[in-house]
Amino acid sequence: MDEFWPVPDALVYLAGSWRVERSVRDLAGGDTGVFTGATVFRPLDGGGLLHHESGTFTWQGIPRPAERTLRFLPGPTPGTADVRFADGRPFHDLDLTTGRHTADHPCSADLYRGEFTVRDTDHWRTVWRVAGPAKDLLLTTDYGRVG
């Protein structure tokens, strides 16, 4: 049985630098890939955190640089976050007060369903299941605090 570590404030918990390891599996075609890199959560002017991830994504044996930026803004209730893409579009909500959270993000005809679990003060995981006519993927990401 999995045990979850409650987090009273998601933004306080996430702040700082994390090692990232992500496995990507195409459930339809069987291909697999791996992302390795780092994520840094830096304070944003006006509150919240700027999330910047960078590293190398290897797909079908070919490594490529990869990066993304998200905004983690204060959520509607204390301790929660409103996660947005870099351009401000909504992505998902995040509430880690129980140590576990599930969020959905519709993207065209596909549905992204994310499960977030906090293991302890320095380790957390996301598992995104992407299903629909364009994609059939499982993305598992493990984060370990740096420093």
N, C-alpha and C. Protein backbone atom coordinates (compact mmCIF):
# COMPACT_ATOMS: atom_id res chain seq x y z
N MET A 1 0.85 -1.18 0.00
CA MET A 1 0.00 0.00 0.00
C MET A 1 0.90 1.25 0.00
N ASP A 2 0.55 2.20 -0.84
CA ASP A 2 1.31 3.44 -0.90
C ASP A 2 0.94 4.33 0.27
N GLU A 3 1.95 4.99 0.80
CA GLU A 3 1.71 6.00 1.82
C GLU A 3 2.05 7.35 1.22
N PHE A 4 1.23 8.34 1.55
CA PHE A 4 1.41 9.67 1.01
C PHE A 4 1.80 10.61 2.14
N TRP A 5 2.57 11.63 1.78
CA TRP A 5 3.08 12.58 2.76
C TRP A 5 2.31 13.89 2.57
N PRO A 6 1.44 14.26 3.51
CA PRO A 6 0.66 15.50 3.37
C PRO A 6 1.55 16.74 3.29
N VAL A 7 1.15 17.66 2.43
CA VAL A 7 1.89 18.91 2.23
C VAL A 7 0.92 20.07 2.50
N PRO A 8 1.14 20.85 3.57
CA PRO A 8 0.21 21.92 3.89
C PRO A 8 0.17 23.04 2.84
N ASP A 9 1.30 23.26 2.14
CA ASP A 9 1.35 24.33 1.14
C ASP A 9 2.18 23.86 -0.06
N ALA A 10 1.51 23.60 -1.18
CA ALA A 10 2.17 23.06 -2.37
C ALA A 10 3.29 23.97 -2.86
N LEU A 11 3.06 25.28 -2.86
CA LEU A 11 4.07 26.20 -3.39
C LEU A 11 5.33 26.23 -2.51
N VAL A 12 5.15 26.18 -1.20
CA VAL A 12 6.30 26.15 -0.30
C VAL A 12 7.08 24.85 -0.50
N TYR A 13 6.36 23.73 -0.63
CA TYR A 13 7.00 22.43 -0.82
C TYR A 13 7.81 22.37 -2.12
N LEU A 14 7.23 22.87 -3.21
CA LEU A 14 7.86 22.73 -4.53
C LEU A 14 9.03 23.67 -4.76
N ALA A 15 9.09 24.79 -4.05
CA ALA A 15 10.14 25.79 -4.28
C ALA A 15 11.52 25.16 -4.21
N GLY A 16 12.37 25.52 -5.19
CA GLY A 16 13.74 25.03 -5.21
C GLY A 16 14.05 24.22 -6.45
N SER A 17 15.10 23.40 -6.34
CA SER A 17 15.59 22.63 -7.49
C SER A 17 15.36 21.14 -7.28
N TRP A 18 15.02 20.46 -8.39
CA TRP A 18 14.70 19.03 -8.37
C TRP A 18 15.39 18.32 -9.53
N ARG A 19 15.89 17.11 -9.28
CA ARG A 19 16.31 16.20 -10.35
C ARG A 19 15.04 15.57 -10.92
N VAL A 20 15.03 15.35 -12.23
CA VAL A 20 13.85 14.81 -12.88
C VAL A 20 14.23 13.59 -13.73
N GLU A 21 13.46 12.52 -13.57
CA GLU A 21 13.57 11.35 -14.44
C GLU A 21 12.16 10.96 -14.87
N ARG A 22 11.93 10.95 -16.19
CA ARG A 22 10.60 10.66 -16.72
C ARG A 22 10.68 9.52 -17.73
N SER A 23 9.80 8.57 -17.58
CA SER A 23 9.66 7.54 -18.60
C SER A 23 8.39 7.84 -19.40
N VAL A 24 8.48 7.64 -20.70
CA VAL A 24 7.34 7.86 -21.58
C VAL A 24 7.10 6.57 -22.35
N ARG A 25 5.86 6.08 -22.28
CA ARG A 25 5.53 4.85 -22.97
C ARG A 25 4.33 5.08 -23.88
N ASP A 26 4.49 4.77 -25.15
CA ASP A 26 3.38 4.82 -26.11
C ASP A 26 2.65 3.49 -26.00
N LEU A 27 1.47 3.51 -25.40
CA LEU A 27 0.74 2.27 -25.14
C LEU A 27 0.18 1.65 -26.42
N ALA A 28 0.01 2.45 -27.45
CA ALA A 28 -0.51 1.92 -28.72
C ALA A 28 0.60 1.27 -29.54
N GLY A 29 1.73 1.96 -29.67
CA GLY A 29 2.80 1.47 -30.53
C GLY A 29 3.91 0.73 -29.83
N GLY A 30 4.00 0.87 -28.50
CA GLY A 30 5.01 0.18 -27.75
C GLY A 30 6.34 0.92 -27.61
N ASP A 31 6.49 2.08 -28.27
CA ASP A 31 7.74 2.82 -28.15
C ASP A 31 7.90 3.38 -26.74
N THR A 32 9.17 3.54 -26.32
CA THR A 32 9.44 4.12 -25.01
C THR A 32 10.49 5.21 -25.15
N GLY A 33 10.45 6.13 -24.22
CA GLY A 33 11.42 7.21 -24.18
C GLY A 33 11.76 7.57 -22.75
N VAL A 34 12.81 8.38 -22.59
CA VAL A 34 13.25 8.79 -21.27
C VAL A 34 13.65 10.27 -21.33
N PHE A 35 13.22 11.01 -20.32
CA PHE A 35 13.67 12.39 -20.12
C PHE A 35 14.48 12.41 -18.83
N THR A 36 15.66 13.02 -18.87
CA THR A 36 16.44 13.26 -17.65
C THR A 36 16.84 14.72 -17.65
N GLY A 37 16.74 15.33 -16.48
CA GLY A 37 17.11 16.75 -16.40
C GLY A 37 16.83 17.31 -15.03
N ALA A 38 16.44 18.57 -15.03
CA ALA A 38 16.22 19.30 -13.78
C ALA A 38 15.00 20.21 -13.92
N THR A 39 14.36 20.44 -12.79
CA THR A 39 13.27 21.40 -12.70
C THR A 39 13.62 22.38 -11.59
N VAL A 40 13.43 23.66 -11.88
CA VAL A 40 13.65 24.70 -10.87
C VAL A 40 12.34 25.48 -10.72
N PHE A 41 11.90 25.62 -9.46
CA PHE A 41 10.74 26.44 -9.12
C PHE A 41 11.27 27.72 -8.47
N ARG A 42 11.14 28.84 -9.20
CA ARG A 42 11.62 30.14 -8.70
C ARG A 42 10.43 31.04 -8.38
N PRO A 43 10.60 31.94 -7.40
CA PRO A 43 9.50 32.85 -7.06
C PRO A 43 9.12 33.74 -8.26
N LEU A 44 7.82 33.94 -8.41
CA LEU A 44 7.28 34.84 -9.43
C LEU A 44 6.90 36.16 -8.78
N ASP A 45 7.11 37.26 -9.48
CA ASP A 45 6.63 38.55 -8.99
C ASP A 45 5.12 38.46 -8.83
N GLY A 46 4.61 38.90 -7.70
CA GLY A 46 3.17 38.87 -7.47
C GLY A 46 2.69 37.58 -6.84
N GLY A 47 3.59 36.65 -6.57
CA GLY A 47 3.21 35.39 -5.92
C GLY A 47 3.24 34.21 -6.86
N GLY A 48 3.47 33.06 -6.29
CA GLY A 48 3.54 31.84 -7.07
C GLY A 48 4.97 31.50 -7.47
N LEU A 49 5.09 30.49 -8.33
CA LEU A 49 6.39 29.99 -8.75
C LEU A 49 6.45 29.84 -10.26
N LEU A 50 7.62 30.14 -10.82
CA LEU A 50 7.89 29.86 -12.22
C LEU A 50 8.63 28.53 -12.27
N HIS A 51 8.05 27.57 -12.97
CA HIS A 51 8.61 26.21 -13.09
C HIS A 51 9.30 26.13 -14.44
N HIS A 52 10.62 25.84 -14.42
CA HIS A 52 11.35 25.66 -15.67
C HIS A 52 12.04 24.30 -15.63
N GLU A 53 11.72 23.49 -16.63
CA GLU A 53 12.29 22.14 -16.74
C GLU A 53 13.17 22.09 -17.97
N SER A 54 14.36 21.52 -17.83
CA SER A 54 15.25 21.38 -18.98
C SER A 54 16.06 20.10 -18.84
N GLY A 55 16.38 19.50 -19.98
CA GLY A 55 17.15 18.27 -19.96
C GLY A 55 17.22 17.66 -21.34
N THR A 56 17.33 16.34 -21.36
CA THR A 56 17.44 15.59 -22.61
C THR A 56 16.33 14.56 -22.68
N PHE A 57 15.61 14.57 -23.81
CA PHE A 57 14.56 13.58 -24.06
C PHE A 57 15.07 12.64 -25.16
N THR A 58 15.13 11.35 -24.83
CA THR A 58 15.57 10.35 -25.79
C THR A 58 14.36 9.53 -26.22
N TRP A 59 14.07 9.57 -27.52
CA TRP A 59 12.92 8.87 -28.09
C TRP A 59 13.42 8.09 -29.30
N GLN A 60 13.10 6.81 -29.33
CA GLN A 60 13.54 5.92 -30.41
C GLN A 60 15.04 6.02 -30.63
N GLY A 61 15.78 6.10 -29.51
CA GLY A 61 17.23 6.12 -29.55
C GLY A 61 17.87 7.45 -29.91
N ILE A 62 17.06 8.47 -30.14
CA ILE A 62 17.60 9.77 -30.56
C ILE A 62 17.45 10.78 -29.42
N PRO A 63 18.57 11.25 -28.83
CA PRO A 63 18.49 12.27 -27.76
C PRO A 63 18.31 13.67 -28.34
N ARG A 64 17.44 14.44 -27.69
CA ARG A 64 17.20 15.83 -28.09
C ARG A 64 17.07 16.69 -26.85
N PRO A 65 17.51 17.95 -26.92
CA PRO A 65 17.26 18.84 -25.78
C PRO A 65 15.76 19.12 -25.68
N ALA A 66 15.28 19.25 -24.44
CA ALA A 66 13.86 19.52 -24.22
C ALA A 66 13.72 20.44 -23.02
N GLU A 67 12.70 21.30 -23.09
CA GLU A 67 12.42 22.18 -21.95
C GLU A 67 10.96 22.60 -22.00
N ARG A 68 10.47 23.03 -20.84
CA ARG A 68 9.12 23.60 -20.73
C ARG A 68 9.07 24.52 -19.54
N THR A 69 8.13 25.44 -19.60
CA THR A 69 7.93 26.40 -18.53
C THR A 69 6.45 26.41 -18.15
N LEU A 70 6.18 26.40 -16.85
CA LEU A 70 4.82 26.48 -16.34
C LEU A 70 4.79 27.54 -15.24
N ARG A 71 3.60 28.00 -14.92
CA ARG A 71 3.41 28.94 -13.82
C ARG A 71 2.54 28.26 -12.77
N PHE A 72 3.04 28.19 -11.54
CA PHE A 72 2.29 27.65 -10.42
C PHE A 72 1.84 28.83 -9.57
N LEU A 73 0.59 29.19 -9.69
CA LEU A 73 0.04 30.36 -9.00
C LEU A 73 -0.72 29.93 -7.75
N PRO A 74 -0.88 30.83 -6.78
CA PRO A 74 -1.68 30.47 -5.61
C PRO A 74 -3.08 30.03 -6.03
N GLY A 75 -3.54 28.93 -5.45
CA GLY A 75 -4.85 28.38 -5.80
C GLY A 75 -5.98 29.05 -5.04
N PRO A 76 -7.20 28.56 -5.25
CA PRO A 76 -8.38 29.18 -4.64
C PRO A 76 -8.48 28.99 -3.14
N THR A 77 -7.83 27.96 -2.60
CA THR A 77 -7.82 27.76 -1.15
C THR A 77 -6.37 27.71 -0.69
N PRO A 78 -6.11 28.10 0.56
CA PRO A 78 -4.73 28.15 1.05
C PRO A 78 -4.01 26.80 0.87
N GLY A 79 -2.75 26.87 0.40
CA GLY A 79 -1.95 25.68 0.23
C GLY A 79 -2.08 25.00 -1.12
N THR A 80 -3.03 25.45 -1.95
CA THR A 80 -3.23 24.84 -3.27
C THR A 80 -2.58 25.70 -4.35
N ALA A 81 -2.51 25.13 -5.56
CA ALA A 81 -1.92 25.87 -6.68
C ALA A 81 -2.82 25.76 -7.91
N ASP A 82 -2.74 26.79 -8.73
CA ASP A 82 -3.40 26.86 -10.02
C ASP A 82 -2.27 26.81 -11.06
N VAL A 83 -2.14 25.69 -11.74
CA VAL A 83 -1.02 25.49 -12.66
C VAL A 83 -1.43 25.95 -14.06
N ARG A 84 -0.58 26.78 -14.65
CA ARG A 84 -0.87 27.34 -15.97
C ARG A 84 0.32 27.16 -16.89
N PHE A 85 0.03 27.10 -18.19
CA PHE A 85 1.10 27.08 -19.18
C PHE A 85 1.81 28.43 -19.17
N ALA A 86 2.97 28.50 -19.79
CA ALA A 86 3.76 29.74 -19.81
C ALA A 86 2.97 30.92 -20.36
N ASP A 87 2.06 30.65 -21.32
CA ASP A 87 1.28 31.73 -21.93
C ASP A 87 0.03 32.10 -21.13
N GLY A 88 -0.16 31.46 -19.97
CA GLY A 88 -1.28 31.81 -19.10
C GLY A 88 -2.50 30.91 -19.23
N ARG A 89 -2.54 30.04 -20.24
CA ARG A 89 -3.69 29.13 -20.37
C ARG A 89 -3.74 28.17 -19.18
N PRO A 90 -4.94 27.83 -18.71
CA PRO A 90 -5.07 26.91 -17.58
C PRO A 90 -4.56 25.50 -17.95
N PHE A 91 -3.88 24.86 -17.00
CA PHE A 91 -3.43 23.48 -17.18
C PHE A 91 -4.19 22.58 -16.20
N HIS A 92 -3.94 22.74 -14.89
CA HIS A 92 -4.65 21.92 -13.91
C HIS A 92 -4.54 22.56 -12.53
N ASP A 93 -5.35 22.06 -11.61
CA ASP A 93 -5.27 22.48 -10.22
C ASP A 93 -4.33 21.52 -9.49
N LEU A 94 -3.88 21.92 -8.30
CA LEU A 94 -2.97 21.07 -7.53
C LEU A 94 -3.22 21.30 -6.04
N ASP A 95 -3.59 20.22 -5.36
CA ASP A 95 -3.84 20.26 -3.92
C ASP A 95 -3.13 19.05 -3.30
N LEU A 96 -2.03 19.30 -2.63
CA LEU A 96 -1.23 18.22 -2.06
C LEU A 96 -1.44 18.06 -0.56
N THR A 97 -2.52 18.65 -0.01
CA THR A 97 -2.72 18.63 1.44
C THR A 97 -2.89 17.21 1.99
N THR A 98 -3.31 16.26 1.17
CA THR A 98 -3.40 14.86 1.62
C THR A 98 -2.17 14.07 1.16
N GLY A 99 -1.31 14.69 0.36
CA GLY A 99 -0.16 13.99 -0.19
C GLY A 99 -0.45 13.33 -1.53
N ARG A 100 -1.69 13.42 -1.98
CA ARG A 100 -2.08 12.81 -3.25
C ARG A 100 -3.15 13.69 -3.91
N HIS A 101 -3.06 13.82 -5.25
CA HIS A 101 -4.03 14.65 -5.97
C HIS A 101 -4.19 14.11 -7.38
N THR A 102 -5.41 14.17 -7.89
CA THR A 102 -5.69 13.79 -9.28
C THR A 102 -6.26 15.01 -9.99
N ALA A 103 -5.78 15.25 -11.21
CA ALA A 103 -6.23 16.40 -12.00
C ALA A 103 -6.43 15.98 -13.45
N ASP A 104 -7.40 16.61 -14.11
CA ASP A 104 -7.66 16.35 -15.53
C ASP A 104 -7.35 17.59 -16.35
N HIS A 105 -6.87 17.34 -17.58
CA HIS A 105 -6.64 18.43 -18.53
C HIS A 105 -7.07 17.95 -19.91
N PRO A 106 -8.21 18.47 -20.42
CA PRO A 106 -8.60 18.13 -21.79
C PRO A 106 -7.72 18.88 -22.79
N CYS A 107 -7.24 18.18 -23.80
CA CYS A 107 -6.40 18.79 -24.84
C CYS A 107 -6.92 18.30 -26.18
N SER A 108 -7.65 19.17 -26.89
CA SER A 108 -8.38 18.77 -28.10
C SER A 108 -9.26 17.59 -27.74
N ALA A 109 -9.16 16.48 -28.45
CA ALA A 109 -10.01 15.33 -28.16
C ALA A 109 -9.38 14.37 -27.15
N ASP A 110 -8.14 14.65 -26.75
CA ASP A 110 -7.45 13.78 -25.80
C ASP A 110 -7.67 14.28 -24.37
N LEU A 111 -7.57 13.34 -23.41
CA LEU A 111 -7.69 13.71 -22.00
C LEU A 111 -6.41 13.31 -21.28
N TYR A 112 -5.81 14.29 -20.59
CA TYR A 112 -4.66 14.04 -19.73
C TYR A 112 -5.20 13.90 -18.31
N ARG A 113 -4.91 12.78 -17.65
CA ARG A 113 -5.28 12.60 -16.25
C ARG A 113 -4.00 12.41 -15.46
N GLY A 114 -3.75 13.33 -14.53
CA GLY A 114 -2.52 13.30 -13.75
C GLY A 114 -2.77 12.89 -12.32
N GLU A 115 -1.87 12.05 -11.81
CA GLU A 115 -1.90 11.70 -10.39
C GLU A 115 -0.58 12.16 -9.78
N PHE A 116 -0.68 12.96 -8.73
CA PHE A 116 0.47 13.53 -8.05
C PHE A 116 0.56 12.88 -6.67
N THR A 117 1.72 12.36 -6.32
CA THR A 117 1.90 11.75 -5.02
C THR A 117 3.19 12.27 -4.40
N VAL A 118 3.10 12.64 -3.13
CA VAL A 118 4.27 13.10 -2.38
C VAL A 118 4.70 11.95 -1.49
N ARG A 119 5.98 11.58 -1.60
CA ARG A 119 6.51 10.45 -0.83
C ARG A 119 7.12 10.89 0.50
N ASP A 120 7.83 12.03 0.47
CA ASP A 120 8.44 12.57 1.68
C ASP A 120 8.89 13.99 1.38
N THR A 121 9.71 14.58 2.25
CA THR A 121 10.10 15.97 2.08
C THR A 121 10.88 16.22 0.80
N ASP A 122 11.51 15.17 0.24
CA ASP A 122 12.40 15.38 -0.90
C ASP A 122 12.06 14.56 -2.14
N HIS A 123 10.89 13.90 -2.17
CA HIS A 123 10.55 13.06 -3.32
C HIS A 123 9.05 13.12 -3.61
N TRP A 124 8.73 13.32 -4.89
CA TRP A 124 7.34 13.28 -5.33
C TRP A 124 7.29 12.73 -6.74
N ARG A 125 6.10 12.35 -7.17
CA ARG A 125 5.93 11.69 -8.47
C ARG A 125 4.66 12.18 -9.14
N THR A 126 4.73 12.27 -10.46
CA THR A 126 3.52 12.49 -11.26
C THR A 126 3.39 11.34 -12.25
N VAL A 127 2.16 10.91 -12.46
CA VAL A 127 1.86 9.91 -13.48
C VAL A 127 0.73 10.49 -14.33
N TRP A 128 1.04 10.76 -15.59
CA TRP A 128 0.03 11.27 -16.52
C TRP A 128 -0.37 10.15 -17.48
N ARG A 129 -1.66 9.88 -17.56
CA ARG A 129 -2.21 8.94 -18.53
C ARG A 129 -2.90 9.81 -19.58
N VAL A 130 -2.45 9.70 -20.82
CA VAL A 130 -3.00 10.49 -21.91
C VAL A 130 -3.75 9.54 -22.84
N ALA A 131 -5.06 9.79 -23.00
CA ALA A 131 -5.87 8.89 -23.81
C ALA A 131 -6.77 9.68 -24.74
N GLY A 132 -6.90 9.18 -25.97
CA GLY A 132 -7.77 9.82 -26.94
C GLY A 132 -7.40 9.38 -28.33
N PRO A 133 -8.01 10.01 -29.31
CA PRO A 133 -7.75 9.60 -30.70
C PRO A 133 -6.33 9.90 -31.18
N ALA A 134 -5.67 10.93 -30.61
CA ALA A 134 -4.34 11.30 -31.09
C ALA A 134 -3.21 10.66 -30.28
N LYS A 135 -3.47 10.35 -28.99
CA LYS A 135 -2.41 9.88 -28.12
C LYS A 135 -2.89 8.76 -27.21
N ASP A 136 -1.98 7.88 -26.87
CA ASP A 136 -2.22 6.80 -25.90
C ASP A 136 -0.90 6.61 -25.16
N LEU A 137 -0.68 7.43 -24.14
CA LEU A 137 0.63 7.52 -23.49
C LEU A 137 0.53 7.35 -21.98
N LEU A 138 1.64 6.90 -21.40
CA LEU A 138 1.81 6.89 -19.96
C LEU A 138 3.14 7.56 -19.67
N LEU A 139 3.09 8.67 -18.89
CA LEU A 139 4.28 9.43 -18.54
C LEU A 139 4.44 9.40 -17.03
N THR A 140 5.54 8.82 -16.54
CA THR A 140 5.82 8.71 -15.13
C THR A 140 7.06 9.52 -14.81
N THR A 141 6.93 10.50 -13.91
CA THR A 141 8.04 11.39 -13.58
C THR A 141 8.34 11.33 -12.10
N ASP A 142 9.60 11.07 -11.76
CA ASP A 142 10.06 11.09 -10.38
C ASP A 142 10.94 12.32 -10.17
N TYR A 143 10.67 13.01 -9.05
CA TYR A 143 11.40 14.21 -8.69
C TYR A 143 12.16 13.97 -7.38
N GLY A 144 13.42 14.38 -7.33
CA GLY A 144 14.20 14.31 -6.11
C GLY A 144 14.83 15.68 -5.85
N ARG A 145 14.63 16.17 -4.64
CA ARG A 145 15.13 17.51 -4.31
C ARG A 145 16.66 17.56 -4.39
N VAL A 146 17.19 18.66 -4.91
CA VAL A 146 18.61 18.89 -4.99
C VAL A 146 19.02 19.81 -3.84
N GLY A 147 20.07 19.43 -3.13
CA GLY A 147 20.59 20.32 -2.08
C GLY A 147 20.07 20.05 -0.73
